[in-house]
Amino acid sequence: MIFLVYHFDMEKYHYLFGSWGEIKDNKRVDSEGPSFPEDYEVVAAVEADNIEHVFEKTNHIDRDWTENEGVIPTKTRVRSTSCGDVVVDGSGNRLICASMGWEKI
């Protein structure tokens, strides 16, 4: 199955201990966090069996994840997938990376 991986702008938003903050004047203020899809951009299409494989394939473990098999990056500079990022599966289901696991949005 093909999954699309979306990352939010970490320079604008920050996720810490289960709550969102927006960075304003170099300070973190509470916010609702980024809105999907407005505040996200596609960083890769990933061929994987399930969402956990997507997470594994889009994290820098032993090399730059854009070099992993089954990954088609859309950006040249990427960070690892983390809390707050969204993955859309081939059926259109939207899943957000939570502190523990994934949640449907």
Protein backbone atom coordinates (compact mmCIF):
# COMPACT_ATOMS: atom_id res chain seq x y z
CA MET A 1 0.00 0.00 0.00
CA ILE A 2 1.14 3.55 -0.68
CA PHE A 3 1.04 6.07 2.17
CA LEU A 4 1.53 9.84 1.91
CA VAL A 5 3.56 11.37 4.73
CA TYR A 6 2.88 14.97 5.78
CA HIS A 7 5.05 17.01 8.13
CA PHE A 8 4.11 20.25 9.90
CA ASP A 9 6.43 23.25 10.20
CA MET A 10 8.49 22.71 13.36
CA GLU A 11 9.76 26.29 13.23
CA LYS A 12 6.20 27.50 13.75
CA TYR A 13 4.71 24.80 16.01
CA HIS A 14 6.07 22.80 18.91
CA TYR A 15 4.68 19.66 20.56
CA LEU A 16 5.72 19.10 24.15
CA PHE A 17 4.38 16.67 26.75
CA GLY A 18 1.06 16.12 24.97
CA SER A 19 0.24 19.76 24.25
CA TRP A 20 0.78 22.12 21.35
CA GLY A 21 2.47 25.46 21.38
CA GLU A 22 3.00 28.02 18.67
CA ILE A 23 6.32 29.81 18.50
CA LYS A 24 5.82 33.58 18.63
CA ASP A 25 8.61 36.06 19.35
CA ASN A 26 10.88 33.10 20.11
CA LYS A 27 8.53 31.95 22.90
CA ARG A 28 6.16 29.01 23.08
CA VAL A 29 2.51 29.94 23.67
CA ASP A 30 -0.34 27.44 24.00
CA SER A 31 -2.23 26.81 20.78
CA GLU A 32 -4.36 24.23 19.04
CA GLY A 33 -1.37 23.26 16.91
CA PRO A 34 -1.20 22.95 13.14
CA SER A 35 -4.33 22.38 11.04
CA PHE A 36 -4.39 19.57 8.51
CA PRO A 37 -3.89 20.00 5.61
CA GLU A 38 -3.27 23.78 5.66
CA ASP A 39 -0.17 23.73 7.86
CA TYR A 40 1.35 20.55 6.41
CA GLU A 41 3.30 19.56 3.32
CA VAL A 42 3.82 16.18 1.71
CA VAL A 43 7.37 15.00 2.32
CA ALA A 44 7.16 11.49 0.87
CA ALA A 45 5.17 8.66 -0.64
CA VAL A 46 6.02 5.41 1.09
CA GLU A 47 5.29 1.85 0.06
CA ALA A 48 4.72 -0.15 3.25
CA ASP A 49 2.59 -2.91 4.75
CA ASN A 50 1.28 -0.80 7.64
CA ILE A 51 1.60 2.48 9.50
CA GLU A 52 4.36 1.19 11.78
CA HIS A 53 6.50 0.39 8.74
CA VAL A 54 5.87 3.91 7.45
CA PHE A 55 7.12 5.33 10.75
CA GLU A 56 10.21 3.12 10.65
CA LYS A 57 10.95 4.01 7.02
CA THR A 58 10.63 7.76 7.68
CA ASN A 59 13.01 7.97 10.61
CA HIS A 60 16.76 8.47 10.51
CA ILE A 61 17.90 5.21 12.12
CA ASP A 62 21.10 4.06 10.47
CA ARG A 63 21.00 6.43 7.49
CA ASP A 64 19.01 9.27 5.93
CA TRP A 65 15.48 7.86 5.62
CA THR A 66 15.07 9.22 2.07
CA GLU A 67 17.45 6.41 1.03
CA ASN A 68 15.18 3.65 2.39
CA GLU A 69 13.61 1.17 -0.01
CA GLY A 70 10.05 2.03 -0.97
CA VAL A 71 10.42 5.73 -0.12
CA ILE A 72 9.89 8.47 -2.70
CA PRO A 73 10.80 11.79 -1.04
CA THR A 74 9.26 15.03 -2.30
CA LYS A 75 11.75 17.23 -0.43
CA THR A 76 15.53 17.17 -0.29
CA ARG A 77 15.86 18.19 3.37
CA VAL A 78 13.60 16.26 5.72
CA ARG A 79 13.40 15.43 9.39
CA SER A 80 12.21 12.20 10.95
CA THR A 81 8.47 11.66 11.30
CA SER A 82 7.37 12.55 14.82
CA CYS A 83 4.41 13.55 17.03
CA GLY A 84 1.93 15.70 15.17
CA ASP A 85 2.85 14.50 11.69
CA VAL A 86 0.10 12.98 9.53
CA VAL A 87 0.04 9.91 7.32
CA VAL A 88 -2.73 9.25 4.79
CA ASP A 89 -3.20 5.66 3.67
CA GLY A 90 -4.37 4.40 0.27
CA SER A 91 -8.01 4.42 1.46
CA GLY A 92 -7.83 8.07 2.48
CA ASN A 93 -7.67 7.42 6.23
CA ARG A 94 -5.80 10.19 8.06
CA LEU A 95 -3.65 9.20 11.01
CA ILE A 96 -1.76 11.57 13.27
CA CYS A 97 1.36 10.45 15.10
CA ALA A 98 0.60 10.66 18.83
CA SER A 99 2.87 10.35 21.86
CA MET A 100 2.05 6.64 21.85
CA GLY A 101 0.89 5.19 18.54
CA TRP A 102 -1.44 6.71 15.97
CA GLU A 103 -4.88 8.35 16.16
CA LYS A 104 -7.45 8.74 13.39
CA ILE A 105 -8.33 12.33 12.50
